[in-house]
Amino acid sequence: MTALAVDGLSVRYGAVDAVRGLSLAVNVGEIVGLIGPNGAGKSSTLHAIMGAAPVVGGDVRVRDRSVVGRNSEDVARAGVALVPEGRRIFGELTVEENLRLGLAARRSGGNGNALDSAFELFPVLRESRKRAAGTLSGGQQQQLAIARALVAEPDVLLLDEPSLGLAPRIVDVVFHALAAIRERGLAVLLVEQRAQRTVALADRSHVLANGRLRLTLGPDDAADTERLIAAYMA
């Protein structure tokens, strides 16, 4: 079942075409990667899906309902959650208080089960639940940002560079969690700088360059370093 469908999406900032006629789909229980050089249009695609970028063409459907022209709050209510680059947690609130903000965004109301599920995925958050989020390490804050999105129980999870600035050990934690999230039946659209790891993890990965889809890779392509480099140079 298709959870997210992007059909001919075009995004423009003034005279700059950031995304040009992009089409992709993410099914329930899939991870789809978006990789490519800086300025390729990856983050603009996520922002357009969330109603936070100027869409000038195409359509975005969540569970077969168009969300183009709706604001970010409406898109969230339709079942989409974004983990933005830079995390944007509330540092003065505790870990648990940050998570309860996610609970408040649930379409079905909140209960403790979603918190337990988040703590199962990221045990360090359970241990730190009463700490101010601003005192956590960068890796712990990234785990909190992902967990906060998950407790809202979205159908579609968008992630913008979740491994950015993290130590290799924490990158492993994040990628392991993404695999577990897929097993829970979510549809995940992942923008990442770590191309090889993304291709290995995702069900398929789309390479963007200059706002256009240039190539689609499968997990078996992860070891083909020459093809990955060529894709970035397209």
Protein backbone atom coordinates (compact mmCIF):
# COMPACT_ATOMS: atom_id res chain seq x y z
CA MET A 1 0.00 0.00 0.00
CA THR A 2 1.33 3.42 -0.95
CA ALA A 3 1.62 5.76 2.03
CA LEU A 4 3.28 8.69 0.24
CA ALA A 5 3.12 9.51 -3.46
CA VAL A 6 4.97 12.44 -5.04
CA ASP A 7 3.91 13.07 -8.63
CA GLY A 8 5.71 15.58 -10.85
CA LEU A 9 6.64 17.82 -7.92
CA SER A 10 8.23 21.15 -8.75
CA VAL A 11 9.47 23.69 -6.20
CA ARG A 12 10.67 27.19 -6.99
CA TYR A 13 12.23 29.89 -4.84
CA GLY A 14 12.01 33.09 -6.85
CA ALA A 15 13.84 32.37 -10.09
CA VAL A 16 15.49 29.21 -8.75
CA ASP A 17 13.98 25.83 -9.61
CA ALA A 18 14.91 23.72 -6.59
CA VAL A 19 12.92 20.60 -7.57
CA ARG A 20 11.89 19.78 -11.13
CA GLY A 21 9.16 17.27 -11.90
CA LEU A 22 10.09 14.77 -9.19
CA SER A 23 8.05 11.59 -8.82
CA LEU A 24 8.52 8.90 -6.19
CA ALA A 25 6.49 6.66 -3.91
CA VAL A 26 7.00 5.21 -0.44
CA ASN A 27 4.96 2.18 0.52
CA VAL A 28 4.00 1.02 4.00
CA GLY A 29 6.99 -0.69 5.61
CA GLU A 30 9.55 0.81 3.23
CA ILE A 31 12.54 3.11 3.52
CA VAL A 32 13.23 5.21 0.43
CA GLY A 33 16.45 7.20 0.32
CA LEU A 34 17.06 10.59 -1.26
CA ILE A 35 20.76 11.18 -1.88
CA GLY A 36 22.79 13.56 -3.98
CA PRO A 37 25.15 16.53 -3.78
CA ASN A 38 24.45 19.67 -1.77
CA GLY A 39 21.82 21.82 -3.45
CA ALA A 40 20.29 18.86 -5.29
CA GLY A 41 16.79 19.54 -3.94
CA LYS A 42 16.60 16.87 -1.26
CA SER A 43 15.60 19.05 1.71
CA SER A 44 13.35 21.15 -0.53
CA THR A 45 11.45 17.97 -1.38
CA LEU A 46 10.83 17.25 2.31
CA HIS A 47 9.80 20.86 2.98
CA ALA A 48 7.40 20.77 0.02
CA ILE A 49 5.77 17.60 1.32
CA MET A 50 5.30 19.32 4.69
CA GLY A 51 3.73 22.40 3.11
CA ALA A 52 6.73 24.58 3.96
CA ALA A 53 8.11 25.22 0.46
CA PRO A 54 6.55 26.87 -2.61
CA VAL A 55 5.11 24.11 -4.82
CA VAL A 56 4.58 25.32 -8.38
CA GLY A 57 3.60 22.03 -9.96
CA GLY A 58 2.70 18.42 -9.30
CA ASP A 59 0.99 16.72 -6.40
CA VAL A 60 1.75 15.11 -3.05
CA ARG A 61 -0.64 12.48 -1.70
CA VAL A 62 -0.68 10.92 1.75
CA ARG A 63 -2.77 7.76 1.84
CA ASP A 64 -4.16 8.89 -1.53
CA ARG A 65 -5.26 12.32 -0.22
CA SER A 66 -3.63 15.39 -1.72
CA VAL A 67 -1.85 17.68 0.76
CA VAL A 68 -0.56 20.28 -1.70
CA GLY A 69 -1.59 23.76 -0.62
CA ARG A 70 -2.08 22.74 3.02
CA ASN A 71 0.02 24.15 5.83
CA SER A 72 2.46 22.10 7.91
CA GLU A 73 0.01 21.54 10.76
CA ASP A 74 -2.58 20.15 8.36
CA VAL A 75 0.01 17.88 6.75
CA ALA A 76 1.02 16.61 10.20
CA ARG A 77 -2.62 15.89 10.99
CA ALA A 78 -2.81 13.95 7.73
CA GLY A 79 -0.16 11.61 9.11
CA VAL A 80 3.26 13.01 8.21
CA ALA A 81 6.05 13.77 10.70
CA LEU A 82 9.33 15.52 9.89
CA VAL A 83 12.58 15.17 11.83
CA PRO A 84 14.35 18.31 10.60
CA GLU A 85 18.04 18.87 10.14
CA GLY A 86 19.37 20.35 13.36
CA ARG A 87 16.92 18.41 15.61
CA ARG A 88 15.08 21.46 17.03
CA ILE A 89 14.28 19.96 20.37
CA PHE A 90 13.25 22.10 23.35
CA GLY A 91 16.42 22.19 25.40
CA GLU A 92 14.85 23.66 28.54
CA LEU A 93 12.27 20.85 28.73
CA THR A 94 13.04 17.37 29.96
CA VAL A 95 13.30 14.40 27.63
CA GLU A 96 9.90 13.17 28.77
CA GLU A 97 8.32 16.62 28.31
CA ASN A 98 9.68 16.76 24.75
CA LEU A 99 8.15 13.37 24.05
CA ARG A 100 4.81 14.37 25.53
CA LEU A 101 4.70 17.24 23.03
CA GLY A 102 4.78 14.55 20.37
CA LEU A 103 2.01 12.67 22.16
CA ALA A 104 -0.12 15.80 22.06
CA ALA A 105 0.12 15.75 18.26
CA ARG A 106 -1.31 12.25 17.96
CA ARG A 107 -4.46 12.04 15.93
CA SER A 108 -5.86 9.35 18.24
CA GLY A 109 -4.99 11.08 21.52
CA GLY A 110 -2.10 10.20 23.80
CA ASN A 111 -1.21 7.38 26.14
CA GLY A 112 1.87 5.89 27.72
CA ASN A 113 2.26 3.03 25.25
CA ALA A 114 3.85 5.26 22.64
CA LEU A 115 6.41 6.46 25.18
CA ASP A 116 7.28 2.88 26.10
CA SER A 117 7.71 2.10 22.41
CA ALA A 118 10.08 5.06 22.01
CA PHE A 119 12.09 4.02 25.05
CA GLU A 120 12.34 0.48 23.67
CA LEU A 121 13.80 1.88 20.46
CA PHE A 122 16.14 4.32 22.23
CA PRO A 123 16.93 2.99 25.74
CA VAL A 124 19.18 5.97 26.53
CA LEU A 125 16.09 8.18 26.55
CA ARG A 126 14.46 6.12 29.28
CA GLU A 127 17.59 6.51 31.39
CA SER A 128 17.58 10.28 30.75
CA ARG A 129 13.84 10.95 30.82
CA LYS A 130 14.05 13.51 33.66
CA ARG A 131 17.07 15.35 32.29
CA ALA A 132 16.82 18.66 30.46
CA ALA A 133 17.09 17.86 26.78
CA GLY A 134 19.67 20.61 26.29
CA THR A 135 22.12 18.69 28.50
CA LEU A 136 22.11 15.62 26.24
CA SER A 137 24.87 14.83 23.78
CA GLY A 138 24.27 15.53 20.10
CA GLY A 139 23.61 11.86 19.43
CA GLN A 140 21.14 11.62 22.29
CA GLN A 141 19.36 14.74 21.05
CA GLN A 142 19.04 13.19 17.59
CA GLN A 143 17.50 10.08 19.10
CA LEU A 144 15.08 12.30 21.02
CA ALA A 145 14.11 14.17 17.85
CA ILE A 146 13.30 10.90 16.08
CA ALA A 147 11.44 9.53 19.10
CA ARG A 148 9.37 12.71 19.43
CA ALA A 149 8.24 12.34 15.83
CA LEU A 150 7.41 8.67 16.33
CA VAL A 151 5.21 9.09 19.40
CA ALA A 152 2.82 11.12 17.25
CA GLU A 153 2.24 7.82 15.41
CA PRO A 154 2.57 9.13 11.85
CA ASP A 155 1.98 7.07 8.74
CA VAL A 156 4.94 8.72 7.00
CA LEU A 157 8.24 9.72 8.62
CA LEU A 158 10.51 12.23 6.88
CA LEU A 159 14.11 12.51 8.08
CA ASP A 160 16.52 15.24 7.02
CA GLU A 161 20.18 14.27 7.53
CA PRO A 162 19.71 12.33 10.79
CA SER A 163 23.37 11.28 10.95
CA LEU A 164 24.78 14.78 10.45
CA GLY A 165 27.57 15.52 12.93
CA LEU A 166 27.24 12.23 14.80
CA ALA A 167 30.03 9.91 15.92
CA PRO A 168 30.22 6.61 13.99
CA ARG A 169 28.91 4.62 16.95
CA ILE A 170 25.79 6.81 17.18
CA VAL A 171 25.31 6.65 13.41
CA ASP A 172 25.08 2.88 13.87
CA VAL A 173 22.41 3.38 16.55
CA VAL A 174 20.37 5.65 14.27
CA PHE A 175 20.54 3.35 11.24
CA HIS A 176 19.65 0.33 13.39
CA ALA A 177 16.64 2.27 14.70
CA LEU A 178 15.55 3.13 11.16
CA ALA A 179 15.54 -0.55 10.25
CA ALA A 180 13.40 -1.25 13.32
CA ILE A 181 11.03 1.59 12.41
CA ARG A 182 10.53 0.04 8.98
CA GLU A 183 9.65 -3.27 10.65
CA ARG A 184 6.92 -1.44 12.58
CA GLY A 185 5.23 -0.67 9.26
CA LEU A 186 6.02 3.02 8.81
CA ALA A 187 6.84 4.59 5.47
CA VAL A 188 10.17 6.41 5.73
CA LEU A 189 11.64 8.98 3.33
CA LEU A 190 15.27 9.48 4.29
CA VAL A 191 17.49 12.36 3.14
CA GLU A 192 21.08 11.45 3.99
CA GLN A 193 24.66 12.46 3.28
CA ARG A 194 25.96 8.93 3.88
CA ALA A 195 25.17 7.58 0.45
CA GLN A 196 26.60 4.09 0.75
CA ARG A 197 24.90 3.35 4.06
CA THR A 198 21.62 4.77 2.81
CA VAL A 199 21.67 2.65 -0.35
CA ALA A 200 22.46 -0.45 1.71
CA LEU A 201 19.60 0.23 4.14
CA ALA A 202 16.85 1.55 1.89
CA ASP A 203 14.50 -0.48 -0.27
CA ARG A 204 15.54 1.89 -3.05
CA SER A 205 17.42 5.18 -3.20
CA HIS A 206 16.86 8.03 -5.62
CA VAL A 207 19.80 10.19 -6.66
CA LEU A 208 18.90 13.84 -7.19
CA ALA A 209 21.00 16.42 -9.02
CA ASN A 210 19.90 19.94 -9.90
CA GLY A 211 16.41 19.14 -8.68
CA ARG A 212 15.91 16.18 -10.99
CA LEU A 213 15.86 12.44 -10.36
CA ARG A 214 18.94 11.06 -12.12
CA LEU A 215 19.16 7.46 -11.00
CA THR A 216 17.51 4.88 -8.75
CA LEU A 217 19.67 2.41 -6.84
CA GLY A 218 18.88 -0.76 -4.92
CA PRO A 219 20.63 -2.28 -1.88
CA ASP A 220 22.85 -4.42 -4.12
CA ASP A 221 24.36 -1.22 -5.54
CA ALA A 222 25.78 -0.15 -2.17
CA ALA A 223 29.11 -1.88 -2.80
CA ASP A 224 29.47 -0.35 -6.27
CA THR A 225 31.52 2.68 -5.24
CA GLU A 226 32.24 3.72 -8.81
CA ARG A 227 28.54 3.83 -9.66
CA LEU A 228 27.79 5.87 -6.54
CA ILE A 229 30.47 8.40 -7.44
CA ALA A 230 29.21 8.57 -11.01
CA ALA A 231 25.67 9.13 -9.75
CA TYR A 232 26.85 12.13 -7.73
CA MET A 233 28.63 13.54 -10.76
CA ALA A 234 25.57 13.19 -13.06
